[in-house]
Amino acid sequence: MLPDHRTYEDTPSDEVPVIKFFTPDGGATWWLSEYDPQDEVLFGLCDLGMGFPELGYVSLPELEAVRGALGLQVEIDLWWEGTMADAKRAAKA
């Protein structure tokens, strides 16, 4: 479960926990840290596999509609345990 939007607004990135979502048959990854249930919008680091990861917002319905090259839907990485700082390092790798 992600905390409400803006929960970590003034928190250093090495302390902000994230949930990792990814396309198992593609190169897209989202490390998300906050959720606004009213607008169904998530905030975090988005890497669509084009080499330009960026912090931003993603719509939950749009994320649920994403399909990879083989038609697989976005999954949660159940083994990811990291912070936003870890996500930034992973996105640069």
PDB file of N, CA and C in Angstrom:
ATOM      1  N   MET A   1       0.844  -1.173   0.000  1.00  0.00           N
ATOM      2  CA  MET A   1       0.000   0.000   0.000  1.00  0.00           C
ATOM      3  C   MET A   1       0.892   1.239   0.000  1.00  0.00           C
ATOM      4  N   LEU A   2       0.581   2.150  -0.865  1.00  0.00           N
ATOM      5  CA  LEU A   2       1.334   3.402  -0.951  1.00  0.00           C
ATOM      6  C   LEU A   2       0.690   4.465  -0.071  1.00  0.00           C
ATOM      7  N   PRO A   3       1.511   5.310   0.548  1.00  0.00           N
ATOM      8  CA  PRO A   3       0.958   6.384   1.373  1.00  0.00           C
ATOM      9  C   PRO A   3       0.297   7.460   0.525  1.00  0.00           C
ATOM     10  N   ASP A   4      -0.476   8.300   1.196  1.00  0.00           N
ATOM     11  CA  ASP A   4      -1.150   9.394   0.504  1.00  0.00           C
ATOM     12  C   ASP A   4      -0.158  10.332  -0.162  1.00  0.00           C
ATOM     13  N   HIS A   5      -0.641  10.963  -1.198  1.00  0.00           N
ATOM     14  CA  HIS A   5       0.128  11.922  -1.981  1.00  0.00           C
ATOM     15  C   HIS A   5       0.760  12.980  -1.087  1.00  0.00           C
ATOM     16  N   ARG A   6       1.993  13.320  -1.359  1.00  0.00           N
ATOM     17  CA  ARG A   6       2.784  14.346  -0.671  1.00  0.00           C
ATOM     18  C   ARG A   6       3.231  13.951   0.740  1.00  0.00           C
ATOM     19  N   THR A   7       3.096  12.696   1.104  1.00  0.00           N
ATOM     20  CA  THR A   7       3.539  12.236   2.416  1.00  0.00           C
ATOM     21  C   THR A   7       5.030  12.473   2.608  1.00  0.00           C
ATOM     22  N   TYR A   8       5.810  12.252   1.556  1.00  0.00           N
ATOM     23  CA  TYR A   8       7.265  12.340   1.652  1.00  0.00           C
ATOM     24  C   TYR A   8       7.829  13.607   1.021  1.00  0.00           C
ATOM     25  N   GLU A   9       7.020  14.632   0.913  1.00  0.00           N
ATOM     26  CA  GLU A   9       7.410  15.849   0.210  1.00  0.00           C
ATOM     27  C   GLU A   9       8.737  16.432   0.698  1.00  0.00           C
ATOM     28  N   ASP A  10       8.988  16.435   1.984  1.00  0.00           N
ATOM     29  CA  ASP A  10      10.212  17.028   2.533  1.00  0.00           C
ATOM     30  C   ASP A  10      11.178  15.977   3.080  1.00  0.00           C
ATOM     31  N   THR A  11      11.041  14.734   2.638  1.00  0.00           N
ATOM     32  CA  THR A  11      11.882  13.643   3.117  1.00  0.00           C
ATOM     33  C   THR A  11      13.015  13.392   2.128  1.00  0.00           C
ATOM     34  N   PRO A  12      14.248  13.206   2.614  1.00  0.00           N
ATOM     35  CA  PRO A  12      15.365  12.888   1.709  1.00  0.00           C
ATOM     36  C   PRO A  12      15.095  11.594   0.939  1.00  0.00           C
ATOM     37  N   SER A  13      15.549  11.528  -0.314  1.00  0.00           N
ATOM     38  CA  SER A  13      15.232  10.389  -1.175  1.00  0.00           C
ATOM     39  C   SER A  13      15.787   9.070  -0.659  1.00  0.00           C
ATOM     40  N   ASP A  14      16.820   9.120   0.185  1.00  0.00           N
ATOM     41  CA  ASP A  14      17.352   7.866   0.710  1.00  0.00           C
ATOM     42  C   ASP A  14      16.502   7.301   1.851  1.00  0.00           C
ATOM     43  N   GLU A  15      15.422   7.994   2.196  1.00  0.00           N
ATOM     44  CA  GLU A  15      14.514   7.527   3.242  1.00  0.00           C
ATOM     45  C   GLU A  15      13.109   7.228   2.715  1.00  0.00           C
ATOM     46  N   VAL A  16      12.842   7.534   1.456  1.00  0.00           N
ATOM     47  CA  VAL A  16      11.503   7.353   0.890  1.00  0.00           C
ATOM     48  C   VAL A  16      11.367   5.931   0.338  1.00  0.00           C
ATOM     49  N   PRO A  17      10.514   5.090   0.953  1.00  0.00           N
ATOM     50  CA  PRO A  17      10.326   3.741   0.425  1.00  0.00           C
ATOM     51  C   PRO A  17       9.510   3.769  -0.859  1.00  0.00           C
ATOM     52  N   VAL A  18       9.770   2.806  -1.724  1.00  0.00           N
ATOM     53  CA  VAL A  18       9.038   2.748  -2.984  1.00  0.00           C
ATOM     54  C   VAL A  18       8.584   1.319  -3.262  1.00  0.00           C
ATOM     55  N   ILE A  19       7.561   1.211  -4.082  1.00  0.00           N
ATOM     56  CA  ILE A  19       7.111  -0.069  -4.612  1.00  0.00           C
ATOM     57  C   ILE A  19       7.489  -0.086  -6.086  1.00  0.00           C
ATOM     58  N   LYS A  20       8.084  -1.181  -6.517  1.00  0.00           N
ATOM     59  CA  LYS A  20       8.550  -1.290  -7.904  1.00  0.00           C
ATOM     60  C   LYS A  20       7.532  -2.059  -8.743  1.00  0.00           C
ATOM     61  N   PHE A  21       7.136  -1.436  -9.857  1.00  0.00           N
ATOM     62  CA  PHE A  21       6.281  -2.062 -10.855  1.00  0.00           C
ATOM     63  C   PHE A  21       7.108  -2.197 -12.131  1.00  0.00           C
ATOM     64  N   PHE A  22       6.838  -3.219 -12.930  1.00  0.00           N
ATOM     65  CA  PHE A  22       7.617  -3.412 -14.155  1.00  0.00           C
ATOM     66  C   PHE A  22       6.824  -4.224 -15.175  1.00  0.00           C
ATOM     67  N   THR A  23       7.244  -4.124 -16.428  1.00  0.00           N
ATOM     68  CA  THR A  23       6.682  -4.974 -17.473  1.00  0.00           C
ATOM     69  C   THR A  23       7.620  -6.171 -17.620  1.00  0.00           C
ATOM     70  N   PRO A  24       7.140  -7.394 -17.338  1.00  0.00           N
ATOM     71  CA  PRO A  24       8.018  -8.559 -17.387  1.00  0.00           C
ATOM     72  C   PRO A  24       8.512  -8.889 -18.793  1.00  0.00           C
ATOM     73  N   ASP A  25       7.817  -8.407 -19.795  1.00  0.00           N
ATOM     74  CA  ASP A  25       8.219  -8.677 -21.175  1.00  0.00           C
ATOM     75  C   ASP A  25       8.589  -7.389 -21.910  1.00  0.00           C
ATOM     76  N   GLY A  26       9.063  -6.418 -21.156  1.00  0.00           N
ATOM     77  CA  GLY A  26       9.461  -5.141 -21.753  1.00  0.00           C
ATOM     78  C   GLY A  26      10.473  -4.449 -20.866  1.00  0.00           C
ATOM     79  N   GLY A  27      10.811  -3.239 -21.203  1.00  0.00           N
ATOM     80  CA  GLY A  27      11.843  -2.527 -20.466  1.00  0.00           C
ATOM     81  C   GLY A  27      11.333  -1.432 -19.558  1.00  0.00           C
ATOM     82  N   ALA A  28      10.048  -1.371 -19.309  1.00  0.00           N
ATOM     83  CA  ALA A  28       9.494  -0.282 -18.501  1.00  0.00           C
ATOM     84  C   ALA A  28       9.483  -0.643 -17.017  1.00  0.00           C
ATOM     85  N   THR A  29       9.833   0.344 -16.184  1.00  0.00           N
ATOM     86  CA  THR A  29       9.844   0.167 -14.733  1.00  0.00           C
ATOM     87  C   THR A  29       9.345   1.447 -14.079  1.00  0.00           C
ATOM     88  N   TRP A  30       8.549   1.286 -13.037  1.00  0.00           N
ATOM     89  CA  TRP A  30       8.057   2.412 -12.252  1.00  0.00           C
ATOM     90  C   TRP A  30       8.377   2.136 -10.792  1.00  0.00           C
ATOM     91  N   TRP A  31       9.055   3.074 -10.132  1.00  0.00           N
ATOM     92  CA  TRP A  31       9.306   3.001  -8.689  1.00  0.00           C
ATOM     93  C   TRP A  31       8.409   4.062  -8.070  1.00  0.00           C
ATOM     94  N   LEU A  32       7.331   3.654  -7.424  1.00  0.00           N
ATOM     95  CA  LEU A  32       6.302   4.592  -6.987  1.00  0.00           C
ATOM     96  C   LEU A  32       6.281   4.726  -5.471  1.00  0.00           C
ATOM     97  N   SER A  33       6.117   5.970  -5.012  1.00  0.00           N
ATOM     98  CA  SER A  33       6.197   6.243  -3.581  1.00  0.00           C
ATOM     99  C   SER A  33       4.926   6.831  -2.978  1.00  0.00           C
ATOM    100  N   GLU A  34       4.046   7.375  -3.790  1.00  0.00           N
ATOM    101  CA  GLU A  34       2.852   8.031  -3.249  1.00  0.00           C
ATOM    102  C   GLU A  34       1.655   7.789  -4.160  1.00  0.00           C
ATOM    103  N   TYR A  35       0.464   7.875  -3.571  1.00  0.00           N
ATOM    104  CA  TYR A  35      -0.770   7.637  -4.307  1.00  0.00           C
ATOM    105  C   TYR A  35      -1.831   8.633  -3.866  1.00  0.00           C
ATOM    106  N   ASP A  36      -2.498   9.227  -4.836  1.00  0.00           N
ATOM    107  CA  ASP A  36      -3.629  10.116  -4.570  1.00  0.00           C
ATOM    108  C   ASP A  36      -4.893   9.348  -4.962  1.00  0.00           C
ATOM    109  N   PRO A  37      -5.601   8.762  -3.981  1.00  0.00           N
ATOM    110  CA  PRO A  37      -6.760   7.931  -4.312  1.00  0.00           C
ATOM    111  C   PRO A  37      -7.906   8.697  -4.958  1.00  0.00           C
ATOM    112  N   GLN A  38      -8.026   9.971  -4.653  1.00  0.00           N
ATOM    113  CA  GLN A  38      -9.114  10.762  -5.232  1.00  0.00           C
ATOM    114  C   GLN A  38      -8.960  10.882  -6.747  1.00  0.00           C
ATOM    115  N   ASP A  39      -7.743  11.157  -7.203  1.00  0.00           N
ATOM    116  CA  ASP A  39      -7.497  11.327  -8.637  1.00  0.00           C
ATOM    117  C   ASP A  39      -6.917  10.081  -9.294  1.00  0.00           C
ATOM    118  N   GLU A  40      -6.673   9.021  -8.518  1.00  0.00           N
ATOM    119  CA  GLU A  40      -6.057   7.786  -9.005  1.00  0.00           C
ATOM    120  C   GLU A  40      -4.739   8.066  -9.726  1.00  0.00           C
ATOM    121  N   VAL A  41      -3.891   8.855  -9.070  1.00  0.00           N
ATOM    122  CA  VAL A  41      -2.602   9.241  -9.627  1.00  0.00           C
ATOM    123  C   VAL A  41      -1.499   8.809  -8.663  1.00  0.00           C
ATOM    124  N   LEU A  42      -0.433   8.242  -9.229  1.00  0.00           N
ATOM    125  CA  LEU A  42       0.724   7.810  -8.453  1.00  0.00           C
ATOM    126  C   LEU A  42       1.899   8.711  -8.773  1.00  0.00           C
ATOM    127  N   PHE A  43       2.843   8.820  -7.824  1.00  0.00           N
ATOM    128  CA  PHE A  43       4.041   9.625  -8.048  1.00  0.00           C
ATOM    129  C   PHE A  43       5.267   8.764  -7.819  1.00  0.00           C
ATOM    130  N   GLY A  44       6.257   8.951  -8.676  1.00  0.00           N
ATOM    131  CA  GLY A  44       7.512   8.238  -8.488  1.00  0.00           C
ATOM    132  C   GLY A  44       8.432   8.405  -9.676  1.00  0.00           C
ATOM    133  N   LEU A  45       9.418   7.516  -9.738  1.00  0.00           N
ATOM    134  CA  LEU A  45      10.402   7.515 -10.810  1.00  0.00           C
ATOM    135  C   LEU A  45       9.918   6.577 -11.902  1.00  0.00           C
ATOM    136  N   CYS A  46       9.783   7.093 -13.105  1.00  0.00           N
ATOM    137  CA  CYS A  46       9.269   6.321 -14.233  1.00  0.00           C
ATOM    138  C   CYS A  46      10.364   6.150 -15.275  1.00  0.00           C
ATOM    139  N   ASP A  47      10.643   4.899 -15.634  1.00  0.00           N
ATOM    140  CA  ASP A  47      11.634   4.585 -16.663  1.00  0.00           C
ATOM    141  C   ASP A  47      10.938   3.716 -17.698  1.00  0.00           C
ATOM    142  N   LEU A  48      10.633   4.298 -18.834  1.00  0.00           N
ATOM    143  CA  LEU A  48       9.902   3.575 -19.871  1.00  0.00           C
ATOM    144  C   LEU A  48      10.821   2.802 -20.802  1.00  0.00           C
ATOM    145  N   GLY A  49      12.087   2.670 -20.408  1.00  0.00           N
ATOM    146  CA  GLY A  49      13.027   1.865 -21.170  1.00  0.00           C
ATOM    147  C   GLY A  49      13.686   2.584 -22.318  1.00  0.00           C
ATOM    148  N   MET A  50      13.577   3.899 -22.363  1.00  0.00           N
ATOM    149  CA  MET A  50      14.162   4.670 -23.458  1.00  0.00           C
ATOM    150  C   MET A  50      15.424   5.409 -23.027  1.00  0.00           C
ATOM    151  N   GLY A  51      15.886   5.157 -21.791  1.00  0.00           N
ATOM    152  CA  GLY A  51      17.108   5.783 -21.323  1.00  0.00           C
ATOM    153  C   GLY A  51      16.940   7.142 -20.686  1.00  0.00           C
ATOM    154  N   PHE A  52      15.700   7.535 -20.425  1.00  0.00           N
ATOM    155  CA  PHE A  52      15.439   8.849 -19.831  1.00  0.00           C
ATOM    156  C   PHE A  52      14.483   8.737 -18.647  1.00  0.00           C
ATOM    157  N   PRO A  53      14.905   8.116 -17.532  1.00  0.00           N
ATOM    158  CA  PRO A  53      14.009   8.030 -16.374  1.00  0.00           C
ATOM    159  C   PRO A  53      13.724   9.414 -15.808  1.00  0.00           C
ATOM    160  N   GLU A  54      12.510   9.607 -15.314  1.00  0.00           N
ATOM    161  CA  GLU A  54      12.167  10.916 -14.747  1.00  0.00           C
ATOM    162  C   GLU A  54      11.143  10.769 -13.634  1.00  0.00           C
ATOM    163  N   LEU A  55      11.203  11.702 -12.699  1.00  0.00           N
ATOM    164  CA  LEU A  55      10.204  11.761 -11.642  1.00  0.00           C
ATOM    165  C   LEU A  55       8.931  12.356 -12.221  1.00  0.00           C
ATOM    166  N   GLY A  56       7.805  11.778 -11.861  1.00  0.00           N
ATOM    167  CA  GLY A  56       6.567  12.323 -12.375  1.00  0.00           C
ATOM    168  C   GLY A  56       5.357  11.549 -11.890  1.00  0.00           C
ATOM    169  N   TYR A  57       4.243  11.850 -12.500  1.00  0.00           N
ATOM    170  CA  TYR A  57       2.967  11.264 -12.129  1.00  0.00           C
ATOM    171  C   TYR A  57       2.529  10.266 -13.185  1.00  0.00           C
ATOM    172  N   VAL A  58       1.822   9.238 -12.739  1.00  0.00           N
ATOM    173  CA  VAL A  58       1.265   8.251 -13.659  1.00  0.00           C
ATOM    174  C   VAL A  58      -0.153   7.923 -13.182  1.00  0.00           C
ATOM    175  N   SER A  59      -1.046   7.822 -14.132  1.00  0.00           N
ATOM    176  CA  SER A  59      -2.434   7.490 -13.843  1.00  0.00           C
ATOM    177  C   SER A  59      -2.546   5.991 -13.555  1.00  0.00           C
ATOM    178  N   LEU A  60      -3.225   5.630 -12.476  1.00  0.00           N
ATOM    179  CA  LEU A  60      -3.411   4.221 -12.142  1.00  0.00           C
ATOM    180  C   LEU A  60      -4.136   3.465 -13.260  1.00  0.00           C
ATOM    181  N   PRO A  61      -5.243   3.991 -13.815  1.00  0.00           N
ATOM    182  CA  PRO A  61      -5.889   3.276 -14.918  1.00  0.00           C
ATOM    183  C   PRO A  61      -4.963   3.085 -16.127  1.00  0.00           C
ATOM    184  N   GLU A  62      -4.119   4.073 -16.423  1.00  0.00           N
ATOM    185  CA  GLU A  62      -3.185   3.930 -17.539  1.00  0.00           C
ATOM    186  C   GLU A  62      -2.131   2.874 -17.234  1.00  0.00           C
ATOM    187  N   LEU A  63      -1.631   2.847 -16.007  1.00  0.00           N
ATOM    188  CA  LEU A  63      -0.644   1.841 -15.616  1.00  0.00           C
ATOM    189  C   LEU A  63      -1.251   0.443 -15.708  1.00  0.00           C
ATOM    190  N   GLU A  64      -2.497   0.307 -15.290  1.00  0.00           N
ATOM    191  CA  GLU A  64      -3.177  -0.992 -15.366  1.00  0.00           C
ATOM    192  C   GLU A  64      -3.415  -1.430 -16.807  1.00  0.00           C
ATOM    193  N   ALA A  65      -3.485  -0.477 -17.729  1.00  0.00           N
ATOM    194  CA  ALA A  65      -3.740  -0.797 -19.135  1.00  0.00           C
ATOM    195  C   ALA A  65      -2.470  -1.120 -19.922  1.00  0.00           C
ATOM    196  N   VAL A  66      -1.298  -0.819 -19.365  1.00  0.00           N
ATOM    197  CA  VAL A  66      -0.035  -1.053 -20.074  1.00  0.00           C
ATOM    198  C   VAL A  66       0.164  -2.547 -20.293  1.00  0.00           C
ATOM    199  N   ARG A  67       0.612  -2.883 -21.498  1.00  0.00           N
ATOM    200  CA  ARG A  67       0.969  -4.260 -21.841  1.00  0.00           C
ATOM    201  C   ARG A  67       2.339  -4.242 -22.496  1.00  0.00           C
ATOM    202  N   GLY A  68       3.135  -5.260 -22.195  1.00  0.00           N
ATOM    203  CA  GLY A  68       4.455  -5.382 -22.798  1.00  0.00           C
ATOM    204  C   GLY A  68       4.373  -5.995 -24.182  1.00  0.00           C
ATOM    205  N   ALA A  69       5.520  -6.325 -24.740  1.00  0.00           N
ATOM    206  CA  ALA A  69       5.610  -6.844 -26.106  1.00  0.00           C
ATOM    207  C   ALA A  69       4.821  -8.137 -26.309  1.00  0.00           C
ATOM    208  N   LEU A  70       4.720  -8.961 -25.279  1.00  0.00           N
ATOM    209  CA  LEU A  70       3.993 -10.224 -25.383  1.00  0.00           C
ATOM    210  C   LEU A  70       2.584 -10.137 -24.804  1.00  0.00           C
ATOM    211  N   GLY A  71       2.159  -8.935 -24.467  1.00  0.00           N
ATOM    212  CA  GLY A  71       0.816  -8.727 -23.945  1.00  0.00           C
ATOM    213  C   GLY A  71       0.677  -8.906 -22.444  1.00  0.00           C
ATOM    214  N   LEU A  72       1.804  -9.082 -21.744  1.00  0.00           N
ATOM    215  CA  LEU A  72       1.740  -9.244 -20.290  1.00  0.00           C
ATOM    216  C   LEU A  72       1.517  -7.900 -19.609  1.00  0.00           C
ATOM    217  N   GLN A  73       0.739  -7.913 -18.541  1.00  0.00           N
ATOM    218  CA  GLN A  73       0.455  -6.669 -17.827  1.00  0.00           C
ATOM    219  C   GLN A  73       1.560  -6.337 -16.832  1.00  0.00           C
ATOM    220  N   VAL A  74       1.518  -5.133 -16.323  1.00  0.00           N
ATOM    221  CA  VAL A  74       2.488  -4.649 -15.342  1.00  0.00           C
ATOM    222  C   VAL A  74       2.358  -5.473 -14.060  1.00  0.00           C
ATOM    223  N   GLU A  75       3.507  -5.801 -13.461  1.00  0.00           N
ATOM    224  CA  GLU A  75       3.536  -6.574 -12.223  1.00  0.00           C
ATOM    225  C   GLU A  75       4.248  -5.791 -11.128  1.00  0.00           C
ATOM    226  N   ILE A  76       4.000  -6.169  -9.889  1.00  0.00           N
ATOM    227  CA  ILE A  76       4.735  -5.630  -8.744  1.00  0.00           C
ATOM    228  C   ILE A  76       5.918  -6.546  -8.486  1.00  0.00           C
ATOM    229  N   ASP A  77       7.093  -5.957  -8.287  1.00  0.00           N
ATOM    230  CA  ASP A  77       8.280  -6.732  -7.935  1.00  0.00           C
ATOM    231  C   ASP A  77       8.214  -7.017  -6.438  1.00  0.00           C
ATOM    232  N   LEU A  78       7.822  -8.223  -6.092  1.00  0.00           N
ATOM    233  CA  LEU A  78       7.629  -8.590  -4.692  1.00  0.00           C
ATOM    234  C   LEU A  78       8.932  -8.673  -3.908  1.00  0.00           C
ATOM    235  N   TRP A  79      10.058  -8.743  -4.604  1.00  0.00           N
ATOM    236  CA  TRP A  79      11.350  -8.875  -3.939  1.00  0.00           C
ATOM    237  C   TRP A  79      12.089  -7.549  -3.815  1.00  0.00           C
ATOM    238  N   TRP A  80      11.550  -6.482  -4.375  1.00  0.00           N
ATOM    239  CA  TRP A  80      12.205  -5.169  -4.286  1.00  0.00           C
ATOM    240  C   TRP A  80      12.008  -4.602  -2.890  1.00  0.00           C
ATOM    241  N   GLU A  81      13.102  -4.216  -2.267  1.00  0.00           N
ATOM    242  CA  GLU A  81      13.066  -3.501  -0.992  1.00  0.00           C
ATOM    243  C   GLU A  81      14.072  -2.373  -1.109  1.00  0.00           C
ATOM    244  N   GLY A  82      13.587  -1.184  -1.353  1.00  0.00           N
ATOM    245  CA  GLY A  82      14.504  -0.078  -1.526  1.00  0.00           C
ATOM    246  C   GLY A  82      13.824   1.263  -1.366  1.00  0.00           C
ATOM    247  N   THR A  83      14.647   2.277  -1.478  1.00  0.00           N
ATOM    248  CA  THR A  83      14.187   3.655  -1.341  1.00  0.00           C
ATOM    249  C   THR A  83      14.202   4.337  -2.705  1.00  0.00           C
ATOM    250  N   MET A  84      13.767   5.571  -2.734  1.00  0.00           N
ATOM    251  CA  MET A  84      13.807   6.342  -3.975  1.00  0.00           C
ATOM    252  C   MET A  84      15.251   6.522  -4.436  1.00  0.00           C
ATOM    253  N   ALA A  85      16.182   6.687  -3.503  1.00  0.00           N
ATOM    254  CA  ALA A  85      17.597   6.804  -3.870  1.00  0.00           C
ATOM    255  C   ALA A  85      18.080   5.519  -4.539  1.00  0.00           C
ATOM    256  N   ASP A  86      17.661   4.355  -4.031  1.00  0.00           N
ATOM    257  CA  ASP A  86      18.014   3.077  -4.655  1.00  0.00           C
ATOM    258  C   ASP A  86      17.415   2.982  -6.055  1.00  0.00           C
ATOM    259  N   ALA A  87      16.187   3.457  -6.203  1.00  0.00           N
ATOM    260  CA  ALA A  87      15.525   3.433  -7.508  1.00  0.00           C
ATOM    261  C   ALA A  87      16.270   4.301  -8.513  1.00  0.00           C
ATOM    262  N   LYS A  88      16.726   5.464  -8.083  1.00  0.00           N
ATOM    263  CA  LYS A  88      17.477   6.349  -8.982  1.00  0.00           C
ATOM    264  C   LYS A  88      18.764   5.681  -9.440  1.00  0.00           C
ATOM    265  N   ARG A  89      19.448   4.985  -8.523  1.00  0.00           N
ATOM    266  CA  ARG A  89      20.671   4.267  -8.899  1.00  0.00           C
ATOM    267  C   ARG A  89      20.353   3.136  -9.869  1.00  0.00           C
ATOM    268  N   ALA A  90      19.280   2.398  -9.612  1.00  0.00           N
ATOM    269  CA  ALA A  90      18.896   1.283 -10.480  1.00  0.00           C
ATOM    270  C   ALA A  90      18.515   1.773 -11.872  1.00  0.00           C
ATOM    271  N   ALA A  91      17.865   2.915 -11.950  1.00  0.00           N
ATOM    272  CA  ALA A  91      17.442   3.456 -13.245  1.00  0.00           C
ATOM    273  C   ALA A  91      18.627   3.901 -14.084  1.00  0.00           C
ATOM    274  N   LYS A  92      19.715   4.295 -13.440  1.00  0.00           N
ATOM    275  CA  LYS A  92      20.907   4.738 -14.168  1.00  0.00           C
ATOM    276  C   LYS A  92      21.758   3.569 -14.638  1.00  0.00           C
ATOM    277  N   ALA A  93      21.544   2.390 -14.050  1.00  0.00           N
ATOM    278  CA  ALA A  93      22.367   1.214 -14.384  1.00  0.00           C
ATOM    279  C   ALA A  93      22.074   0.690 -15.772  1.00  0.00           C
TER     280      ALA A  93
END
